[in-house]
Amino acid sequence: MCSNTIVYLIRHSRKINYNMVNHENNEENYQIKREKTILSVDGEERAKILSMQEEFKNVEVIYSSNHSRAIQTAKYLAEKRNLVINIDSRFNERKSRNKS
């Protein structure tokens, strides 16, 4: 008997409006700022709702990029299913250049 593997690719939920954060005294580069961008309140709520969808009831493994908002999106499903979130840099966004 052959078992099928179903893979779900889920984009992170809604992030906080970047203009709501003052980066004036933040010396981190643009890419690191993007990696640390968090979900908005609405994004958190949408991630919770996503975790309760029936189609995800049999999820056995969760992978995520190391971006905060991706982990924040996955955390509700992980908690609901008592799973760990496997961080894999191969899921990271491509690096941006020439921005500060």
PDB file of N, CA and C in Angstrom:
ATOM      1  N   MET A   1       0.845  -1.185   0.000  1.00  0.00           N
ATOM      2  CA  MET A   1       0.000   0.000   0.000  1.00  0.00           C
ATOM      3  C   MET A   1       0.889   1.247   0.000  1.00  0.00           C
ATOM      4  N   CYS A   2       0.564   2.175  -0.826  1.00  0.00           N
ATOM      5  CA  CYS A   2       1.338   3.413  -0.965  1.00  0.00           C
ATOM      6  C   CYS A   2       0.670   4.525  -0.152  1.00  0.00           C
ATOM      7  N   SER A   3       1.445   5.182   0.682  1.00  0.00           N
ATOM      8  CA  SER A   3       0.869   6.313   1.423  1.00  0.00           C
ATOM      9  C   SER A   3       1.249   7.610   0.727  1.00  0.00           C
ATOM     10  N   ASN A   4       0.341   8.508   0.715  1.00  0.00           N
ATOM     11  CA  ASN A   4       0.570   9.809   0.082  1.00  0.00           C
ATOM     12  C   ASN A   4       0.995  10.833   1.114  1.00  0.00           C
ATOM     13  N   THR A   5       1.891  11.690   0.723  1.00  0.00           N
ATOM     14  CA  THR A   5       2.293  12.805   1.565  1.00  0.00           C
ATOM     15  C   THR A   5       1.669  14.064   0.998  1.00  0.00           C
ATOM     16  N   ILE A   6       1.003  14.801   1.844  1.00  0.00           N
ATOM     17  CA  ILE A   6       0.413  16.073   1.434  1.00  0.00           C
ATOM     18  C   ILE A   6       1.268  17.183   2.013  1.00  0.00           C
ATOM     19  N   VAL A   7       1.667  18.112   1.159  1.00  0.00           N
ATOM     20  CA  VAL A   7       2.482  19.243   1.590  1.00  0.00           C
ATOM     21  C   VAL A   7       1.658  20.510   1.432  1.00  0.00           C
ATOM     22  N   TYR A   8       1.568  21.295   2.504  1.00  0.00           N
ATOM     23  CA  TYR A   8       0.879  22.580   2.474  1.00  0.00           C
ATOM     24  C   TYR A   8       1.932  23.672   2.537  1.00  0.00           C
ATOM     25  N   LEU A   9       1.891  24.594   1.621  1.00  0.00           N
ATOM     26  CA  LEU A   9       2.772  25.758   1.669  1.00  0.00           C
ATOM     27  C   LEU A   9       1.913  26.941   2.077  1.00  0.00           C
ATOM     28  N   ILE A  10       2.237  27.527   3.201  1.00  0.00           N
ATOM     29  CA  ILE A  10       1.438  28.622   3.735  1.00  0.00           C
ATOM     30  C   ILE A  10       2.329  29.841   3.882  1.00  0.00           C
ATOM     31  N   ARG A  11       1.887  30.918   3.304  1.00  0.00           N
ATOM     32  CA  ARG A  11       2.606  32.180   3.459  1.00  0.00           C
ATOM     33  C   ARG A  11       2.286  32.739   4.852  1.00  0.00           C
ATOM     34  N   HIS A  12       3.214  33.458   5.420  1.00  0.00           N
ATOM     35  CA  HIS A  12       2.970  34.040   6.734  1.00  0.00           C
ATOM     36  C   HIS A  12       1.710  34.900   6.701  1.00  0.00           C
ATOM     37  N   SER A  13       1.116  35.088   7.855  1.00  0.00           N
ATOM     38  CA  SER A  13      -0.067  35.924   7.974  1.00  0.00           C
ATOM     39  C   SER A  13       0.313  37.397   7.830  1.00  0.00           C
ATOM     40  N   ARG A  14      -0.641  38.266   8.014  1.00  0.00           N
ATOM     41  CA  ARG A  14      -0.390  39.702   7.803  1.00  0.00           C
ATOM     42  C   ARG A  14       0.607  40.263   8.801  1.00  0.00           C
ATOM     43  N   LYS A  15       1.597  40.954   8.260  1.00  0.00           N
ATOM     44  CA  LYS A  15       2.621  41.544   9.123  1.00  0.00           C
ATOM     45  C   LYS A  15       2.201  42.944   9.564  1.00  0.00           C
ATOM     46  N   ILE A  16       2.861  43.400  10.588  1.00  0.00           N
ATOM     47  CA  ILE A  16       2.612  44.752  11.087  1.00  0.00           C
ATOM     48  C   ILE A  16       3.018  45.755  10.002  1.00  0.00           C
ATOM     49  N   ASN A  17       2.326  46.853   9.943  1.00  0.00           N
ATOM     50  CA  ASN A  17       2.658  47.901   8.987  1.00  0.00           C
ATOM     51  C   ASN A  17       4.057  48.419   9.324  1.00  0.00           C
ATOM     52  N   TYR A  18       4.965  48.287   8.385  1.00  0.00           N
ATOM     53  CA  TYR A  18       6.362  48.655   8.610  1.00  0.00           C
ATOM     54  C   TYR A  18       6.508  50.111   9.043  1.00  0.00           C
ATOM     55  N   ASN A  19       5.584  50.971   8.622  1.00  0.00           N
ATOM     56  CA  ASN A  19       5.639  52.392   8.982  1.00  0.00           C
ATOM     57  C   ASN A  19       5.280  52.651  10.438  1.00  0.00           C
ATOM     58  N   MET A  20       4.753  51.647  11.132  1.00  0.00           N
ATOM     59  CA  MET A  20       4.395  51.795  12.543  1.00  0.00           C
ATOM     60  C   MET A  20       5.610  51.651  13.466  1.00  0.00           C
ATOM     61  N   VAL A  21       6.746  51.262  12.894  1.00  0.00           N
ATOM     62  CA  VAL A  21       7.944  51.024  13.687  1.00  0.00           C
ATOM     63  C   VAL A  21       8.988  52.060  13.333  1.00  0.00           C
ATOM     64  N   ASN A  22       9.496  52.736  14.341  1.00  0.00           N
ATOM     65  CA  ASN A  22      10.534  53.744  14.138  1.00  0.00           C
ATOM     66  C   ASN A  22      11.896  53.065  14.208  1.00  0.00           C
ATOM     67  N   HIS A  23      12.591  53.030  13.086  1.00  0.00           N
ATOM     68  CA  HIS A  23      13.904  52.391  13.022  1.00  0.00           C
ATOM     69  C   HIS A  23      15.038  53.416  13.041  1.00  0.00           C
ATOM     70  N   GLU A  24      14.743  54.624  13.447  1.00  0.00           N
ATOM     71  CA  GLU A  24      15.727  55.710  13.412  1.00  0.00           C
ATOM     72  C   GLU A  24      17.020  55.349  14.130  1.00  0.00           C
ATOM     73  N   ASN A  25      16.931  54.741  15.294  1.00  0.00           N
ATOM     74  CA  ASN A  25      18.125  54.414  16.066  1.00  0.00           C
ATOM     75  C   ASN A  25      18.468  52.924  16.007  1.00  0.00           C
ATOM     76  N   ASN A  26      17.976  52.263  14.987  1.00  0.00           N
ATOM     77  CA  ASN A  26      18.233  50.844  14.813  1.00  0.00           C
ATOM     78  C   ASN A  26      19.276  50.686  13.708  1.00  0.00           C
ATOM     79  N   GLU A  27      20.430  50.220  14.075  1.00  0.00           N
ATOM     80  CA  GLU A  27      21.546  50.127  13.135  1.00  0.00           C
ATOM     81  C   GLU A  27      21.542  48.837  12.323  1.00  0.00           C
ATOM     82  N   GLU A  28      20.561  47.964  12.544  1.00  0.00           N
ATOM     83  CA  GLU A  28      20.518  46.703  11.811  1.00  0.00           C
ATOM     84  C   GLU A  28      20.271  46.953  10.332  1.00  0.00           C
ATOM     85  N   ASN A  29      20.772  46.057   9.511  1.00  0.00           N
ATOM     86  CA  ASN A  29      20.569  46.229   8.079  1.00  0.00           C
ATOM     87  C   ASN A  29      19.132  45.874   7.697  1.00  0.00           C
ATOM     88  N   TYR A  30      18.783  46.221   6.497  1.00  0.00           N
ATOM     89  CA  TYR A  30      17.415  46.053   6.002  1.00  0.00           C
ATOM     90  C   TYR A  30      16.937  44.599   6.103  1.00  0.00           C
ATOM     91  N   GLN A  31      17.791  43.662   5.730  1.00  0.00           N
ATOM     92  CA  GLN A  31      17.396  42.251   5.732  1.00  0.00           C
ATOM     93  C   GLN A  31      17.073  41.776   7.143  1.00  0.00           C
ATOM     94  N   ILE A  32      17.877  42.148   8.110  1.00  0.00           N
ATOM     95  CA  ILE A  32      17.630  41.727   9.490  1.00  0.00           C
ATOM     96  C   ILE A  32      16.341  42.357  10.004  1.00  0.00           C
ATOM     97  N   LYS A  33      16.089  43.597   9.672  1.00  0.00           N
ATOM     98  CA  LYS A  33      14.826  44.242  10.062  1.00  0.00           C
ATOM     99  C   LYS A  33      13.646  43.466   9.496  1.00  0.00           C
ATOM    100  N   ARG A  34      13.749  43.039   8.234  1.00  0.00           N
ATOM    101  CA  ARG A  34      12.665  42.263   7.602  1.00  0.00           C
ATOM    102  C   ARG A  34      12.464  40.922   8.297  1.00  0.00           C
ATOM    103  N   GLU A  35      13.555  40.271   8.676  1.00  0.00           N
ATOM    104  CA  GLU A  35      13.455  38.979   9.350  1.00  0.00           C
ATOM    105  C   GLU A  35      12.776  39.105  10.713  1.00  0.00           C
ATOM    106  N   LYS A  36      12.921  40.252  11.350  1.00  0.00           N
ATOM    107  CA  LYS A  36      12.353  40.457  12.684  1.00  0.00           C
ATOM    108  C   LYS A  36      10.949  41.053  12.663  1.00  0.00           C
ATOM    109  N   THR A  37      10.447  41.439  11.499  1.00  0.00           N
ATOM    110  CA  THR A  37       9.116  42.037  11.409  1.00  0.00           C
ATOM    111  C   THR A  37       8.082  41.056  11.935  1.00  0.00           C
ATOM    112  N   ILE A  38       7.212  41.524  12.807  1.00  0.00           N
ATOM    113  CA  ILE A  38       6.225  40.666  13.463  1.00  0.00           C
ATOM    114  C   ILE A  38       4.864  40.765  12.785  1.00  0.00           C
ATOM    115  N   LEU A  39       3.955  39.915  13.210  1.00  0.00           N
ATOM    116  CA  LEU A  39       2.585  39.951  12.689  1.00  0.00           C
ATOM    117  C   LEU A  39       1.811  41.101  13.302  1.00  0.00           C
ATOM    118  N   SER A  40       0.835  41.576  12.562  1.00  0.00           N
ATOM    119  CA  SER A  40      -0.104  42.559  13.101  1.00  0.00           C
ATOM    120  C   SER A  40      -1.094  41.823  14.004  1.00  0.00           C
ATOM    121  N   VAL A  41      -1.908  42.553  14.729  1.00  0.00           N
ATOM    122  CA  VAL A  41      -2.947  41.946  15.562  1.00  0.00           C
ATOM    123  C   VAL A  41      -3.880  41.114  14.681  1.00  0.00           C
ATOM    124  N   ASP A  42      -4.262  41.675  13.539  1.00  0.00           N
ATOM    125  CA  ASP A  42      -5.104  40.952  12.583  1.00  0.00           C
ATOM    126  C   ASP A  42      -4.386  39.700  12.075  1.00  0.00           C
ATOM    127  N   GLY A  43      -3.102  39.796  11.834  1.00  0.00           N
ATOM    128  CA  GLY A  43      -2.320  38.654  11.378  1.00  0.00           C
ATOM    129  C   GLY A  43      -2.290  37.538  12.404  1.00  0.00           C
ATOM    130  N   GLU A  44      -2.154  37.894  13.681  1.00  0.00           N
ATOM    131  CA  GLU A  44      -2.192  36.897  14.762  1.00  0.00           C
ATOM    132  C   GLU A  44      -3.542  36.184  14.770  1.00  0.00           C
ATOM    133  N   GLU A  45      -4.621  36.952  14.645  1.00  0.00           N
ATOM    134  CA  GLU A  45      -5.964  36.364  14.655  1.00  0.00           C
ATOM    135  C   GLU A  45      -6.160  35.436  13.460  1.00  0.00           C
ATOM    136  N   ARG A  46      -5.683  35.844  12.300  1.00  0.00           N
ATOM    137  CA  ARG A  46      -5.809  35.011  11.103  1.00  0.00           C
ATOM    138  C   ARG A  46      -4.998  33.719  11.251  1.00  0.00           C
ATOM    139  N   ALA A  47      -3.842  33.798  11.881  1.00  0.00           N
ATOM    140  CA  ALA A  47      -3.026  32.606  12.106  1.00  0.00           C
ATOM    141  C   ALA A  47      -3.740  31.633  13.041  1.00  0.00           C
ATOM    142  N   LYS A  48      -4.410  32.161  14.067  1.00  0.00           N
ATOM    143  CA  LYS A  48      -5.191  31.309  14.980  1.00  0.00           C
ATOM    144  C   LYS A  48      -6.299  30.588  14.221  1.00  0.00           C
ATOM    145  N   ILE A  49      -7.022  31.341  13.393  1.00  0.00           N
ATOM    146  CA  ILE A  49      -8.121  30.766  12.613  1.00  0.00           C
ATOM    147  C   ILE A  49      -7.591  29.700  11.655  1.00  0.00           C
ATOM    148  N   LEU A  50      -6.474  29.982  11.018  1.00  0.00           N
ATOM    149  CA  LEU A  50      -5.865  29.037  10.093  1.00  0.00           C
ATOM    150  C   LEU A  50      -5.563  27.711  10.795  1.00  0.00           C
ATOM    151  N   SER A  51      -5.070  27.780  12.020  1.00  0.00           N
ATOM    152  CA  SER A  51      -4.690  26.568  12.753  1.00  0.00           C
ATOM    153  C   SER A  51      -5.890  25.676  13.075  1.00  0.00           C
ATOM    154  N   MET A  52      -7.092  26.236  13.041  1.00  0.00           N
ATOM    155  CA  MET A  52      -8.293  25.470  13.381  1.00  0.00           C
ATOM    156  C   MET A  52      -8.988  24.869  12.161  1.00  0.00           C
ATOM    157  N   GLN A  53      -8.463  25.129  10.970  1.00  0.00           N
ATOM    158  CA  GLN A  53      -9.111  24.613   9.768  1.00  0.00           C
ATOM    159  C   GLN A  53      -9.010  23.090   9.714  1.00  0.00           C
ATOM    160  N   GLU A  54     -10.103  22.489   9.335  1.00  0.00           N
ATOM    161  CA  GLU A  54     -10.228  21.035   9.291  1.00  0.00           C
ATOM    162  C   GLU A  54      -9.155  20.367   8.430  1.00  0.00           C
ATOM    163  N   GLU A  55      -8.785  20.978   7.322  1.00  0.00           N
ATOM    164  CA  GLU A  55      -7.827  20.342   6.423  1.00  0.00           C
ATOM    165  C   GLU A  55      -6.437  20.158   7.038  1.00  0.00           C
ATOM    166  N   PHE A  56      -6.157  20.854   8.133  1.00  0.00           N
ATOM    167  CA  PHE A  56      -4.848  20.737   8.781  1.00  0.00           C
ATOM    168  C   PHE A  56      -4.865  19.789   9.981  1.00  0.00           C
ATOM    169  N   LYS A  57      -5.943  19.048  10.169  1.00  0.00           N
ATOM    170  CA  LYS A  57      -6.080  18.196  11.357  1.00  0.00           C
ATOM    171  C   LYS A  57      -5.058  17.065  11.403  1.00  0.00           C
ATOM    172  N   ASN A  58      -4.529  16.650  10.257  1.00  0.00           N
ATOM    173  CA  ASN A  58      -3.587  15.535  10.233  1.00  0.00           C
ATOM    174  C   ASN A  58      -2.140  15.965  10.002  1.00  0.00           C
ATOM    175  N   VAL A  59      -1.849  17.239  10.183  1.00  0.00           N
ATOM    176  CA  VAL A  59      -0.469  17.721  10.013  1.00  0.00           C
ATOM    177  C   VAL A  59       0.421  17.025  11.035  1.00  0.00           C
ATOM    178  N   GLU A  60       1.537  16.506  10.554  1.00  0.00           N
ATOM    179  CA  GLU A  60       2.452  15.772  11.422  1.00  0.00           C
ATOM    180  C   GLU A  60       3.799  16.468  11.608  1.00  0.00           C
ATOM    181  N   VAL A  61       4.173  17.334  10.663  1.00  0.00           N
ATOM    182  CA  VAL A  61       5.469  18.013  10.714  1.00  0.00           C
ATOM    183  C   VAL A  61       5.272  19.449  10.243  1.00  0.00           C
ATOM    184  N   ILE A  62       5.952  20.384  10.901  1.00  0.00           N
ATOM    185  CA  ILE A  62       5.887  21.790  10.510  1.00  0.00           C
ATOM    186  C   ILE A  62       7.302  22.298  10.269  1.00  0.00           C
ATOM    187  N   TYR A  63       7.489  22.934   9.114  1.00  0.00           N
ATOM    188  CA  TYR A  63       8.754  23.587   8.775  1.00  0.00           C
ATOM    189  C   TYR A  63       8.486  25.074   8.582  1.00  0.00           C
ATOM    190  N   SER A  64       9.464  25.890   8.918  1.00  0.00           N
ATOM    191  CA  SER A  64       9.323  27.331   8.775  1.00  0.00           C
ATOM    192  C   SER A  64      10.677  27.951   8.453  1.00  0.00           C
ATOM    193  N   SER A  65      10.613  29.132   7.838  1.00  0.00           N
ATOM    194  CA  SER A  65      11.834  29.932   7.719  1.00  0.00           C
ATOM    195  C   SER A  65      12.150  30.473   9.109  1.00  0.00           C
ATOM    196  N   ASN A  66      13.252  31.189   9.238  1.00  0.00           N
ATOM    197  CA  ASN A  66      13.590  31.761  10.542  1.00  0.00           C
ATOM    198  C   ASN A  66      12.988  33.150  10.740  1.00  0.00           C
ATOM    199  N   HIS A  67      12.144  33.599   9.837  1.00  0.00           N
ATOM    200  CA  HIS A  67      11.524  34.910   9.978  1.00  0.00           C
ATOM    201  C   HIS A  67      10.471  34.883  11.083  1.00  0.00           C
ATOM    202  N   SER A  68      10.477  35.894  11.908  1.00  0.00           N
ATOM    203  CA  SER A  68       9.572  35.959  13.054  1.00  0.00           C
ATOM    204  C   SER A  68       8.121  35.754  12.660  1.00  0.00           C
ATOM    205  N   ARG A  69       7.678  36.422  11.604  1.00  0.00           N
ATOM    206  CA  ARG A  69       6.268  36.331  11.234  1.00  0.00           C
ATOM    207  C   ARG A  69       5.888  34.949  10.722  1.00  0.00           C
ATOM    208  N   ALA A  70       6.821  34.221  10.117  1.00  0.00           N
ATOM    209  CA  ALA A  70       6.540  32.848   9.676  1.00  0.00           C
ATOM    210  C   ALA A  70       6.390  31.934  10.891  1.00  0.00           C
ATOM    211  N   ILE A  71       7.265  32.096  11.866  1.00  0.00           N
ATOM    212  CA  ILE A  71       7.180  31.296  13.090  1.00  0.00           C
ATOM    213  C   ILE A  71       5.915  31.643  13.855  1.00  0.00           C
ATOM    214  N   GLN A  72       5.573  32.931  13.921  1.00  0.00           N
ATOM    215  CA  GLN A  72       4.348  33.355  14.601  1.00  0.00           C
ATOM    216  C   GLN A  72       3.113  32.762  13.934  1.00  0.00           C
ATOM    217  N   THR A  73       3.135  32.613  12.627  1.00  0.00           N
ATOM    218  CA  THR A  73       2.010  32.024  11.910  1.00  0.00           C
ATOM    219  C   THR A  73       1.913  30.532  12.216  1.00  0.00           C
ATOM    220  N   ALA A  74       3.048  29.847  12.290  1.00  0.00           N
ATOM    221  CA  ALA A  74       3.070  28.401  12.518  1.00  0.00           C
ATOM    222  C   ALA A  74       2.807  28.014  13.970  1.00  0.00           C
ATOM    223  N   LYS A  75       3.026  28.927  14.903  1.00  0.00           N
ATOM    224  CA  LYS A  75       2.991  28.545  16.321  1.00  0.00           C
ATOM    225  C   LYS A  75       1.622  28.027  16.784  1.00  0.00           C
ATOM    226  N   TYR A  76       0.537  28.566  16.254  1.00  0.00           N
ATOM    227  CA  TYR A  76      -0.785  28.120  16.693  1.00  0.00           C
ATOM    228  C   TYR A  76      -1.055  26.687  16.260  1.00  0.00           C
ATOM    229  N   LEU A  77      -0.667  26.359  15.046  1.00  0.00           N
ATOM    230  CA  LEU A  77      -0.827  24.994  14.557  1.00  0.00           C
ATOM    231  C   LEU A  77       0.068  24.056  15.360  1.00  0.00           C
ATOM    232  N   ALA A  78       1.290  24.483  15.625  1.00  0.00           N
ATOM    233  CA  ALA A  78       2.225  23.662  16.405  1.00  0.00           C
ATOM    234  C   ALA A  78       1.680  23.403  17.814  1.00  0.00           C
ATOM    235  N   GLU A  79       1.161  24.440  18.454  1.00  0.00           N
ATOM    236  CA  GLU A  79       0.618  24.276  19.800  1.00  0.00           C
ATOM    237  C   GLU A  79      -0.607  23.365  19.791  1.00  0.00           C
ATOM    238  N   LYS A  80      -1.476  23.566  18.821  1.00  0.00           N
ATOM    239  CA  LYS A  80      -2.706  22.781  18.725  1.00  0.00           C
ATOM    240  C   LYS A  80      -2.403  21.304  18.502  1.00  0.00           C
ATOM    241  N   ARG A  81      -1.354  21.010  17.730  1.00  0.00           N
ATOM    242  CA  ARG A  81      -1.004  19.622  17.377  1.00  0.00           C
ATOM    243  C   ARG A  81       0.133  19.063  18.246  1.00  0.00           C
ATOM    244  N   ASN A  82       0.615  19.862  19.188  1.00  0.00           N
ATOM    245  CA  ASN A  82       1.727  19.470  20.052  1.00  0.00           C
ATOM    246  C   ASN A  82       2.955  19.065  19.218  1.00  0.00           C
ATOM    247  N   LEU A  83       3.296  19.927  18.254  1.00  0.00           N
ATOM    248  CA  LEU A  83       4.428  19.696  17.360  1.00  0.00           C
ATOM    249  C   LEU A  83       5.490  20.765  17.556  1.00  0.00           C
ATOM    250  N   VAL A  84       6.694  20.465  17.156  1.00  0.00           N
ATOM    251  CA  VAL A  84       7.743  21.481  17.143  1.00  0.00           C
ATOM    252  C   VAL A  84       7.754  22.133  15.761  1.00  0.00           C
ATOM    253  N   ILE A  85       8.259  23.341  15.697  1.00  0.00           N
ATOM    254  CA  ILE A  85       8.442  24.047  14.428  1.00  0.00           C
ATOM    255  C   ILE A  85       9.895  23.857  14.026  1.00  0.00           C
ATOM    256  N   ASN A  86      10.113  23.171  12.928  1.00  0.00           N
ATOM    257  CA  ASN A  86      11.461  22.927  12.420  1.00  0.00           C
ATOM    258  C   ASN A  86      11.889  24.120  11.578  1.00  0.00           C
ATOM    259  N   ILE A  87      12.900  24.827  12.050  1.00  0.00           N
ATOM    260  CA  ILE A  87      13.410  25.988  11.324  1.00  0.00           C
ATOM    261  C   ILE A  87      14.392  25.499  10.270  1.00  0.00           C
ATOM    262  N   ASP A  88      14.159  25.924   9.035  1.00  0.00           N
ATOM    263  CA  ASP A  88      15.004  25.489   7.920  1.00  0.00           C
ATOM    264  C   ASP A  88      15.335  26.712   7.071  1.00  0.00           C
ATOM    265  N   SER A  89      16.605  27.048   7.008  1.00  0.00           N
ATOM    266  CA  SER A  89      17.022  28.257   6.291  1.00  0.00           C
ATOM    267  C   SER A  89      16.740  28.182   4.794  1.00  0.00           C
ATOM    268  N   ARG A  90      16.490  26.994   4.271  1.00  0.00           N
ATOM    269  CA  ARG A  90      16.156  26.879   2.849  1.00  0.00           C
ATOM    270  C   ARG A  90      14.800  27.510   2.532  1.00  0.00           C
ATOM    271  N   PHE A  91      14.002  27.781   3.564  1.00  0.00           N
ATOM    272  CA  PHE A  91      12.719  28.448   3.365  1.00  0.00           C
ATOM    273  C   PHE A  91      12.823  29.968   3.505  1.00  0.00           C
ATOM    274  N   ASN A  92      13.994  30.471   3.837  1.00  0.00           N
ATOM    275  CA  ASN A  92      14.163  31.914   4.015  1.00  0.00           C
ATOM    276  C   ASN A  92      13.930  32.651   2.704  1.00  0.00           C
ATOM    277  N   GLU A  93      13.521  33.904   2.840  1.00  0.00           N
ATOM    278  CA  GLU A  93      13.365  34.752   1.666  1.00  0.00           C
ATOM    279  C   GLU A  93      14.728  35.059   1.092  1.00  0.00           C
ATOM    280  N   ARG A  94      14.762  35.363  -0.172  1.00  0.00           N
ATOM    281  CA  ARG A  94      16.052  35.706  -0.754  1.00  0.00           C
ATOM    282  C   ARG A  94      16.552  37.008  -0.132  1.00  0.00           C
ATOM    283  N   LYS A  95      17.827  37.158  -0.088  1.00  0.00           N
ATOM    284  CA  LYS A  95      18.441  38.328   0.530  1.00  0.00           C
ATOM    285  C   LYS A  95      18.256  39.562  -0.334  1.00  0.00           C
ATOM    286  N   SER A  96      17.893  40.647   0.313  1.00  0.00           N
ATOM    287  CA  SER A  96      17.774  41.931  -0.395  1.00  0.00           C
ATOM    288  C   SER A  96      19.135  42.606  -0.387  1.00  0.00           C
ATOM    289  N   ARG A  97      19.424  43.347  -1.443  1.00  0.00           N
ATOM    290  CA  ARG A  97      20.708  44.059  -1.517  1.00  0.00           C
ATOM    291  C   ARG A  97      20.476  45.552  -1.651  1.00  0.00           C
ATOM    292  N   ASN A  98      21.494  46.288  -1.265  1.00  0.00           N
ATOM    293  CA  ASN A  98      21.567  47.730  -1.460  1.00  0.00           C
ATOM    294  C   ASN A  98      20.453  48.511  -0.750  1.00  0.00           C
ATOM    295  N   LYS A  99      19.995  48.006   0.361  1.00  0.00           N
ATOM    296  CA  LYS A  99      19.021  48.760   1.182  1.00  0.00           C
ATOM    297  C   LYS A  99      19.583  48.832   2.573  1.00  0.00           C
ATOM    298  N   SER A 100      19.337  49.946   3.263  1.00  0.00           N
ATOM    299  CA  SER A 100      19.851  50.064   4.627  1.00  0.00           C
ATOM    300  C   SER A 100      18.746  50.317   5.596  1.00  0.00           C
TER     301      SER A 100
END
